[in-house]
Amino acid sequence: MFAKLGQDPKYRQYIQDGGGVLEALAPRDFKAYVDSEIDRFARILPPLGIQIS
């Protein structure tokens, strides 16, 4: 579903207009990206007084 949506020129333009970037990732690569973002925010947020669970 998302792969098809990402090919729609209107949707791609909508994302780009909002400053986003569409990138297709294999499931393993997507999981690695999400895991790295979780780790990054786990380090960044607590010193700012933002608690994550």
N, C-alpha and C. Protein backbone atom coordinates (compact mmCIF):
# COMPACT_ATOMS: atom_id res chain seq x y z
N MET A 1 0.82 -1.18 0.00
CA MET A 1 0.00 0.00 0.00
C MET A 1 0.87 1.25 0.00
N PHE A 2 1.85 1.33 0.89
CA PHE A 2 2.69 2.52 0.98
C PHE A 2 3.57 2.68 -0.26
N ALA A 3 4.03 1.57 -0.80
CA ALA A 3 4.87 1.64 -2.00
C ALA A 3 4.08 2.24 -3.15
N LYS A 4 2.83 1.84 -3.30
CA LYS A 4 1.98 2.38 -4.35
C LYS A 4 1.70 3.86 -4.10
N LEU A 5 1.41 4.21 -2.88
CA LEU A 5 1.16 5.61 -2.52
C LEU A 5 2.38 6.47 -2.81
N GLY A 6 3.56 5.95 -2.53
CA GLY A 6 4.79 6.69 -2.75
C GLY A 6 5.08 6.96 -4.21
N GLN A 7 4.41 6.25 -5.10
CA GLN A 7 4.60 6.46 -6.53
C GLN A 7 3.65 7.50 -7.10
N ASP A 8 2.67 7.92 -6.30
CA ASP A 8 1.70 8.92 -6.74
C ASP A 8 2.37 10.30 -6.75
N PRO A 9 2.46 10.94 -7.91
CA PRO A 9 3.15 12.24 -8.00
C PRO A 9 2.55 13.31 -7.07
N LYS A 10 1.24 13.32 -6.91
CA LYS A 10 0.60 14.31 -6.02
C LYS A 10 1.01 14.07 -4.57
N TYR A 11 1.05 12.81 -4.16
CA TYR A 11 1.45 12.49 -2.80
C TYR A 11 2.92 12.83 -2.57
N ARG A 12 3.78 12.48 -3.54
CA ARG A 12 5.21 12.79 -3.42
C ARG A 12 5.41 14.30 -3.28
N GLN A 13 4.67 15.08 -4.07
CA GLN A 13 4.79 16.54 -4.00
C GLN A 13 4.30 17.04 -2.65
N TYR A 14 3.21 16.47 -2.14
CA TYR A 14 2.68 16.85 -0.83
C TYR A 14 3.73 16.63 0.26
N ILE A 15 4.38 15.49 0.24
CA ILE A 15 5.41 15.18 1.22
C ILE A 15 6.59 16.14 1.08
N GLN A 16 7.03 16.38 -0.14
CA GLN A 16 8.16 17.27 -0.39
C GLN A 16 7.83 18.71 0.02
N ASP A 17 6.61 19.14 -0.24
CA ASP A 17 6.20 20.50 0.15
C ASP A 17 6.25 20.68 1.66
N GLY A 18 6.02 19.60 2.38
CA GLY A 18 6.08 19.63 3.84
C GLY A 18 7.48 19.41 4.39
N GLY A 19 8.47 19.30 3.51
CA GLY A 19 9.85 19.11 3.95
C GLY A 19 10.24 17.66 4.13
N GLY A 20 9.36 16.74 3.74
CA GLY A 20 9.65 15.33 3.92
C GLY A 20 10.40 14.74 2.74
N VAL A 21 10.93 13.57 2.97
CA VAL A 21 11.64 12.83 1.94
C VAL A 21 11.11 11.40 1.95
N LEU A 22 10.68 10.94 0.80
CA LEU A 22 10.22 9.55 0.69
C LEU A 22 11.39 8.66 0.34
N GLU A 23 11.52 7.59 1.07
CA GLU A 23 12.60 6.65 0.80
C GLU A 23 12.08 5.25 1.06
N ALA A 24 12.22 4.39 0.08
CA ALA A 24 11.79 3.01 0.23
C ALA A 24 12.89 2.22 0.93
N LEU A 25 12.53 1.52 1.98
CA LEU A 25 13.49 0.70 2.73
C LEU A 25 12.99 -0.73 2.81
N ALA A 26 13.91 -1.65 2.77
CA ALA A 26 13.57 -3.04 3.02
C ALA A 26 13.16 -3.16 4.49
N PRO A 27 12.33 -4.14 4.84
CA PRO A 27 11.89 -4.27 6.22
C PRO A 27 13.05 -4.28 7.23
N ARG A 28 14.13 -4.97 6.92
CA ARG A 28 15.27 -5.04 7.85
C ARG A 28 15.90 -3.66 8.03
N ASP A 29 16.03 -2.93 6.93
CA ASP A 29 16.60 -1.58 7.00
C ASP A 29 15.68 -0.61 7.74
N PHE A 30 14.38 -0.75 7.53
CA PHE A 30 13.43 0.09 8.24
C PHE A 30 13.50 -0.16 9.74
N LYS A 31 13.57 -1.43 10.13
CA LYS A 31 13.70 -1.77 11.56
C LYS A 31 14.97 -1.19 12.14
N ALA A 32 16.07 -1.28 11.42
CA ALA A 32 17.33 -0.72 11.90
C ALA A 32 17.21 0.79 12.08
N TYR A 33 16.55 1.46 11.14
CA TYR A 33 16.35 2.91 11.24
C TYR A 33 15.51 3.26 12.46
N VAL A 34 14.39 2.56 12.63
CA VAL A 34 13.51 2.84 13.78
C VAL A 34 14.26 2.58 15.09
N ASP A 35 14.98 1.48 15.17
CA ASP A 35 15.75 1.18 16.38
C ASP A 35 16.78 2.26 16.68
N SER A 36 17.44 2.78 15.64
CA SER A 36 18.44 3.82 15.85
C SER A 36 17.79 5.12 16.32
N GLU A 37 16.60 5.41 15.82
CA GLU A 37 15.89 6.62 16.25
C GLU A 37 15.42 6.48 17.70
N ILE A 38 14.98 5.30 18.08
CA ILE A 38 14.58 5.07 19.47
C ILE A 38 15.77 5.28 20.40
N ASP A 39 16.92 4.72 20.03
CA ASP A 39 18.13 4.90 20.83
C ASP A 39 18.53 6.36 20.91
N ARG A 40 18.45 7.06 19.79
CA ARG A 40 18.83 8.48 19.75
C ARG A 40 17.94 9.30 20.67
N PHE A 41 16.64 9.12 20.58
CA PHE A 41 15.73 9.89 21.42
C PHE A 41 15.82 9.47 22.89
N ALA A 42 16.18 8.23 23.14
CA ALA A 42 16.36 7.78 24.53
C ALA A 42 17.53 8.52 25.18
N ARG A 43 18.49 8.97 24.39
CA ARG A 43 19.63 9.75 24.92
C ARG A 43 19.31 11.24 24.98
N ILE A 44 18.57 11.74 24.01
CA ILE A 44 18.33 13.18 23.88
C ILE A 44 17.26 13.69 24.83
N LEU A 45 16.17 12.96 24.98
CA LEU A 45 15.01 13.48 25.69
C LEU A 45 15.12 13.54 27.21
N PRO A 46 15.64 12.54 27.88
CA PRO A 46 15.68 12.61 29.35
C PRO A 46 16.38 13.85 29.92
N PRO A 47 17.51 14.29 29.37
CA PRO A 47 18.12 15.50 29.92
C PRO A 47 17.25 16.75 29.76
N LEU A 48 16.29 16.67 28.87
CA LEU A 48 15.37 17.79 28.68
C LEU A 48 14.13 17.69 29.56
N GLY A 49 14.12 16.67 30.40
CA GLY A 49 13.00 16.47 31.31
C GLY A 49 11.81 15.77 30.66
N ILE A 50 12.04 15.17 29.51
CA ILE A 50 10.98 14.44 28.81
C ILE A 50 11.16 12.96 29.06
N GLN A 51 10.17 12.37 29.66
CA GLN A 51 10.26 10.96 30.03
C GLN A 51 9.65 10.11 28.93
N ILE A 52 10.35 9.05 28.56
CA ILE A 52 9.81 8.13 27.56
C ILE A 52 9.67 6.76 28.22
N SER A 53 8.75 5.98 27.65
CA SER A 53 8.55 4.64 28.22
C SER A 53 8.51 3.60 27.14
